[in-house]
C-alpha atoms as a PDB file:
ATOM      1  CA  MET A   1     -10.474   6.276 -12.642  1.00  0.00           C
ATOM      2  CA  LYS A   2      -8.187   5.832  -9.842  1.00  0.00           C
ATOM      3  CA  ARG A   3      -5.531   3.639  -9.352  1.00  0.00           C
ATOM      4  CA  ILE A   4      -4.298   2.339  -5.688  1.00  0.00           C
ATOM      5  CA  LEU A   5      -1.475  -0.180  -5.259  1.00  0.00           C
ATOM      6  CA  VAL A   6      -1.769  -1.585  -1.763  1.00  0.00           C
ATOM      7  CA  LEU A   7       1.469  -2.832  -0.162  1.00  0.00           C
ATOM      8  CA  ARG A   8       1.534  -4.586   2.866  1.00  0.00           C
ATOM      9  CA  HIS A   9       5.025  -3.899   4.479  1.00  0.00           C
ATOM     10  CA  GLY A  10       7.881  -6.402   4.139  1.00  0.00           C
ATOM     11  CA  LYS A  11       8.046  -9.279   6.792  1.00  0.00           C
ATOM     12  CA  ALA A  12       9.452  -8.013   9.928  1.00  0.00           C
ATOM     13  CA  VAL A  13      11.422  -8.899  13.421  1.00  0.00           C
ATOM     14  CA  SER A  14       8.994 -10.419  16.007  1.00  0.00           C
ATOM     15  CA  VAL A  15       7.653  -7.286  18.525  1.00  0.00           C
ATOM     16  CA  GLY A  16       9.857  -8.926  21.194  1.00  0.00           C
ATOM     17  CA  VAL A  17      11.182  -5.740  23.373  1.00  0.00           C
ATOM     18  CA  GLY A  18       9.925  -2.568  22.601  1.00  0.00           C
ATOM     19  CA  HIS A  19       6.884  -1.418  20.789  1.00  0.00           C
ATOM     20  CA  ASP A  20       5.574  -2.761  17.679  1.00  0.00           C
ATOM     21  CA  PHE A  21       5.855   0.636  15.884  1.00  0.00           C
ATOM     22  CA  ASN A  22       9.702   0.336  15.607  1.00  0.00           C
ATOM     23  CA  ARG A  23      10.068  -3.137  14.290  1.00  0.00           C
ATOM     24  CA  VAL A  24      12.350  -3.244  11.394  1.00  0.00           C
ATOM     25  CA  LEU A  25      12.153  -6.002   8.198  1.00  0.00           C
ATOM     26  CA  LYS A  26      13.887  -8.749   8.183  1.00  0.00           C
ATOM     27  CA  ASN A  27      16.478 -10.010   5.443  1.00  0.00           C
ATOM     28  CA  ARG A  28      13.508 -11.898   3.878  1.00  0.00           C
ATOM     29  CA  GLY A  29      11.336  -8.535   4.238  1.00  0.00           C
ATOM     30  CA  ILE A  30      14.271  -6.687   2.368  1.00  0.00           C
ATOM     31  CA  ASP A  31      14.437  -8.666  -0.386  1.00  0.00           C
ATOM     32  CA  ASP A  32      10.775  -9.074  -0.941  1.00  0.00           C
ATOM     33  CA  SER A  33      10.331  -5.033  -0.816  1.00  0.00           C
ATOM     34  CA  ASN A  34      13.434  -5.288  -3.850  1.00  0.00           C
ATOM     35  CA  ARG A  35      11.554  -7.777  -5.958  1.00  0.00           C
ATOM     36  CA  ILE A  36       7.999  -5.779  -5.295  1.00  0.00           C
ATOM     37  CA  GLY A  37       9.752  -2.752  -6.141  1.00  0.00           C
ATOM     38  CA  HIS A  38      11.552  -3.821  -9.291  1.00  0.00           C
ATOM     39  CA  PHE A  39       8.195  -5.578 -10.513  1.00  0.00           C
ATOM     40  CA  ILE A  40       5.735  -1.900 -10.145  1.00  0.00           C
ATOM     41  CA  ASN A  41       9.008  -0.340 -11.934  1.00  0.00           C
ATOM     42  CA  ARG A  42       7.824  -2.782 -14.930  1.00  0.00           C
ATOM     43  CA  LEU A  43       3.915  -1.635 -14.945  1.00  0.00           C
ATOM     44  CA  ASP A  44       2.489  -0.386 -18.024  1.00  0.00           C
ATOM     45  CA  PHE A  45       1.872   3.200 -15.763  1.00  0.00           C
ATOM     46  CA  LYS A  46       3.800   5.033 -13.169  1.00  0.00           C
ATOM     47  CA  ILE A  47       2.584   5.595  -9.878  1.00  0.00           C
ATOM     48  CA  ASP A  48       2.121   9.568  -8.696  1.00  0.00           C
ATOM     49  CA  ARG A  49       2.999   9.422  -5.319  1.00  0.00           C
ATOM     50  CA  ILE A  50       3.790   6.985  -2.365  1.00  0.00           C
ATOM     51  CA  ILE A  51       1.932   7.203   1.117  1.00  0.00           C
ATOM     52  CA  THR A  52       3.245   5.132   3.688  1.00  0.00           C
ATOM     53  CA  SER A  53       2.888   4.606   7.413  1.00  0.00           C
ATOM     54  CA  GLY A  54       5.208   6.412   9.898  1.00  0.00           C
ATOM     55  CA  ALA A  55       5.943   2.765  11.296  1.00  0.00           C
ATOM     56  CA  VAL A  56       9.333   1.524  10.467  1.00  0.00           C
ATOM     57  CA  ARG A  57       8.824  -1.377   8.835  1.00  0.00           C
ATOM     58  CA  ALA A  58       6.663   0.301   6.413  1.00  0.00           C
ATOM     59  CA  LYS A  59       8.899   3.231   5.783  1.00  0.00           C
ATOM     60  CA  GLN A  60      11.644   0.747   5.112  1.00  0.00           C
ATOM     61  CA  THR A  61       9.634  -0.773   2.606  1.00  0.00           C
ATOM     62  CA  ALA A  62       8.376   2.081   0.930  1.00  0.00           C
ATOM     63  CA  ASP A  63      11.755   3.354   0.989  1.00  0.00           C
ATOM     64  CA  ILE A  64      13.135  -0.046  -0.807  1.00  0.00           C
ATOM     65  CA  VAL A  65      10.563   0.421  -3.485  1.00  0.00           C
ATOM     66  CA  TYR A  66      10.956   4.196  -3.910  1.00  0.00           C
ATOM     67  CA  HIS A  67      14.967   3.284  -4.976  1.00  0.00           C
ATOM     68  CA  ASN A  68      13.958   0.493  -7.283  1.00  0.00           C
ATOM     69  CA  LEU A  69      11.596   3.255  -9.658  1.00  0.00           C
ATOM     70  CA  ASP A  70      13.344   4.951 -12.461  1.00  0.00           C
ATOM     71  CA  LYS A  71      10.627   8.075 -12.106  1.00  0.00           C
ATOM     72  CA  LYS A  72      11.069   9.425  -8.300  1.00  0.00           C
ATOM     73  CA  VAL A  73       7.885  10.383  -6.848  1.00  0.00           C
ATOM     74  CA  PRO A  74       6.891  11.932  -3.823  1.00  0.00           C
ATOM     75  CA  ILE A  75       6.874   9.839  -0.709  1.00  0.00           C
ATOM     76  CA  THR A  76       4.605  11.056   2.286  1.00  0.00           C
ATOM     77  CA  TYR A  77       4.943   9.350   5.688  1.00  0.00           C
ATOM     78  CA  ASP A  78       1.762   9.512   7.628  1.00  0.00           C
ATOM     79  CA  ASP A  79       1.161   7.666  11.072  1.00  0.00           C
ATOM     80  CA  ARG A  80      -2.750   7.871  10.337  1.00  0.00           C
ATOM     81  CA  ILE A  81      -2.391   4.629   8.325  1.00  0.00           C
ATOM     82  CA  TYR A  82      -0.556   2.912  11.689  1.00  0.00           C
ATOM     83  CA  HIS A  83      -3.070   4.811  14.295  1.00  0.00           C
ATOM     84  CA  GLU A  84      -6.487   5.281  12.134  1.00  0.00           C
ATOM     85  CA  GLY A  85      -6.835   1.960  10.140  1.00  0.00           C
ATOM     86  CA  ILE A  86      -9.268   2.579   7.373  1.00  0.00           C
ATOM     87  CA  VAL A  87     -10.374   5.895   8.696  1.00  0.00           C
ATOM     88  CA  GLY A  88      -6.786   7.296   8.351  1.00  0.00           C
ATOM     89  CA  VAL A  89      -6.114   5.719   5.065  1.00  0.00           C
ATOM     90  CA  MET A  90      -9.627   7.143   3.593  1.00  0.00           C
ATOM     91  CA  ASP A  91      -8.968  10.772   5.045  1.00  0.00           C
ATOM     92  CA  ILE A  92      -5.508  10.645   3.390  1.00  0.00           C
ATOM     93  CA  LEU A  93      -6.886   9.663  -0.107  1.00  0.00           C
ATOM     94  CA  ARG A  94      -9.129  12.172   0.003  1.00  0.00           C
ATOM     95  CA  GLN A  95      -6.791  14.783   0.700  1.00  0.00           C
ATOM     96  CA  LEU A  96      -5.241  14.224  -2.457  1.00  0.00           C
ATOM     97  CA  GLU A  97      -5.269  16.174  -5.642  1.00  0.00           C
ATOM     98  CA  SER A  98      -7.275  15.303  -8.111  1.00  0.00           C
ATOM     99  CA  ASP A  99      -4.694  15.190 -11.053  1.00  0.00           C
ATOM    100  CA  CYS A 100      -2.809  12.451  -8.991  1.00  0.00           C
ATOM    101  CA  ASP A 101      -4.478   9.223 -10.383  1.00  0.00           C
ATOM    102  CA  ASN A 102      -1.873   6.240  -9.292  1.00  0.00           C
ATOM    103  CA  VAL A 103      -1.173   5.956  -5.775  1.00  0.00           C
ATOM    104  CA  LEU A 104       1.151   3.514  -4.040  1.00  0.00           C
ATOM    105  CA  ILE A 105      -0.032   2.956   0.075  1.00  0.00           C
ATOM    106  CA  VAL A 106       2.046   1.041   2.164  1.00  0.00           C
ATOM    107  CA  GLY A 107       0.579   0.023   5.282  1.00  0.00           C
ATOM    108  CA  HIS A 108      -0.368  -3.313   7.420  1.00  0.00           C
ATOM    109  CA  ASN A 109      -3.005  -5.474   7.972  1.00  0.00           C
ATOM    110  CA  PRO A 110      -6.053  -6.056   8.980  1.00  0.00           C
ATOM    111  CA  THR A 111      -6.406  -2.119   7.459  1.00  0.00           C
ATOM    112  CA  LEU A 112      -5.053  -3.139   4.254  1.00  0.00           C
ATOM    113  CA  GLU A 113      -7.092  -6.533   3.791  1.00  0.00           C
ATOM    114  CA  GLN A 114     -10.302  -4.448   5.021  1.00  0.00           C
ATOM    115  CA  ILE A 115     -10.092  -1.400   2.735  1.00  0.00           C
ATOM    116  CA  ILE A 116      -9.476  -3.344  -0.308  1.00  0.00           C
ATOM    117  CA  ALA A 117     -12.688  -5.735   0.584  1.00  0.00           C
ATOM    118  CA  LYS A 118     -14.722  -2.532   1.161  1.00  0.00           C
ATOM    119  CA  TRP A 119     -13.822  -0.808  -2.138  1.00  0.00           C
ATOM    120  CA  VAL A 120     -14.191  -3.940  -4.416  1.00  0.00           C
ATOM    121  CA  SER A 121     -17.585  -6.250  -2.324  1.00  0.00           C
ATOM    122  CA  ASN A 122     -19.087  -3.839   0.283  1.00  0.00           C
ATOM    123  CA  ASP A 123     -17.153  -5.526   2.915  1.00  0.00           C
ATOM    124  CA  GLN A 124     -17.990  -9.060   1.486  1.00  0.00           C
ATOM    125  CA  LEU A 125     -14.356 -10.262   0.233  1.00  0.00           C
ATOM    126  CA  ASP A 126     -12.432 -12.382   2.067  1.00  0.00           C
ATOM    127  CA  LEU A 127      -9.172 -12.050   1.178  1.00  0.00           C
ATOM    128  CA  LYS A 128      -5.586 -12.621   2.625  1.00  0.00           C
ATOM    129  CA  LEU A 129      -2.418 -10.122   1.494  1.00  0.00           C
ATOM    130  CA  ILE A 130       0.498 -11.590   2.720  1.00  0.00           C
ATOM    131  CA  THR A 131       3.583  -9.447   4.083  1.00  0.00           C
ATOM    132  CA  CYS A 132       4.705  -7.788   0.770  1.00  0.00           C
ATOM    133  CA  GLY A 133       1.955  -8.665  -0.785  1.00  0.00           C
ATOM    134  CA  LEU A 134       0.564  -6.093  -3.577  1.00  0.00           C
ATOM    135  CA  ALA A 135      -2.504  -5.465  -5.077  1.00  0.00           C
ATOM    136  CA  LEU A 136      -4.132  -3.376  -7.500  1.00  0.00           C
ATOM    137  CA  VAL A 137      -7.387  -1.908  -7.041  1.00  0.00           C
ATOM    138  CA  THR A 138      -8.881   0.326  -9.871  1.00  0.00           C
ATOM    139  CA  ILE A 139     -11.727   2.898  -8.668  1.00  0.00           C
ATOM    140  CA  LYS A 140     -14.584   4.606 -10.590  1.00  0.00           C
ATOM    141  CA  ALA A 141     -13.817   7.674  -9.708  1.00  0.00           C
ATOM    142  CA  GLU A 142     -13.063  11.337 -11.028  1.00  0.00           C
ATOM    143  CA  THR A 143     -11.191  12.545  -7.552  1.00  0.00           C
ATOM    144  CA  TRP A 144     -10.473  11.451  -4.278  1.00  0.00           C
ATOM    145  CA  SER A 145     -13.525  12.610  -2.589  1.00  0.00           C
ATOM    146  CA  ASP A 146     -15.357  10.421  -4.815  1.00  0.00           C
ATOM    147  CA  ILE A 147     -13.992   7.476  -3.376  1.00  0.00           C
ATOM    148  CA  GLN A 148     -17.138   4.890  -2.017  1.00  0.00           C
ATOM    149  CA  LYS A 149     -17.503   1.258  -1.128  1.00  0.00           C
ATOM    150  CA  ASN A 150     -18.049  -1.123  -3.886  1.00  0.00           C
ATOM    151  CA  HIS A 151     -17.056   1.164  -6.388  1.00  0.00           C
ATOM    152  CA  GLY A 152     -13.414  -0.752  -7.470  1.00  0.00           C
ATOM    153  CA  ILE A 153     -12.311  -3.698  -9.139  1.00  0.00           C
ATOM    154  CA  LEU A 154      -9.540  -5.890  -7.702  1.00  0.00           C
ATOM    155  CA  GLU A 155      -7.700  -6.458 -11.187  1.00  0.00           C
ATOM    156  CA  TRP A 156      -4.736  -8.396  -9.614  1.00  0.00           C
ATOM    157  CA  MET A 157      -2.753  -9.506  -6.440  1.00  0.00           C
ATOM    158  CA  ILE A 158       0.430 -10.435  -6.279  1.00  0.00           C
ATOM    159  CA  LYS A 159       3.034 -12.409  -3.917  1.00  0.00           C
ATOM    160  CA  PRO A 160       7.001 -11.270  -3.898  1.00  0.00           C
ATOM    161  CA  LYS A 161       7.799 -15.681  -3.997  1.00  0.00           C
ATOM    162  CA  ILE A 162       6.688 -15.634  -7.650  1.00  0.00           C
ATOM    163  CA  LEU A 163       8.618 -12.536  -8.749  1.00  0.00           C
END
């Protein structure tokens, strides 16, 4: 069994001048990331690895969550989450060691919403993952390369506002 915590990055500044990749978190995004980090730290299981998009706002979110964890875990920054969407995320997961059972992925919409729908409903689920929204998906697989669509269960979704 594999568990994937799916976290959308915190609220970021508008694009304005510059490239979308370089957008930073607003104060609200920082606060929400801290709330989510505290929540993850209190879960009844511990994550084995954090994998985050290389975009600045996602890296900031992942770093804040990381600093809220009692048990420090490896963190990987991978631009494929930003540039390659679902294909990039699936490639990253399929390369994980089989003894890595609980992963936190920090990224962007629409990729995160689409990949959750793919895992749990054969692309039929219409959900909204807000900024700093967190979802837990459990997938019936022994190894990461065994992950297929429609083999997952959406256990829960939570938004930082209620924490």
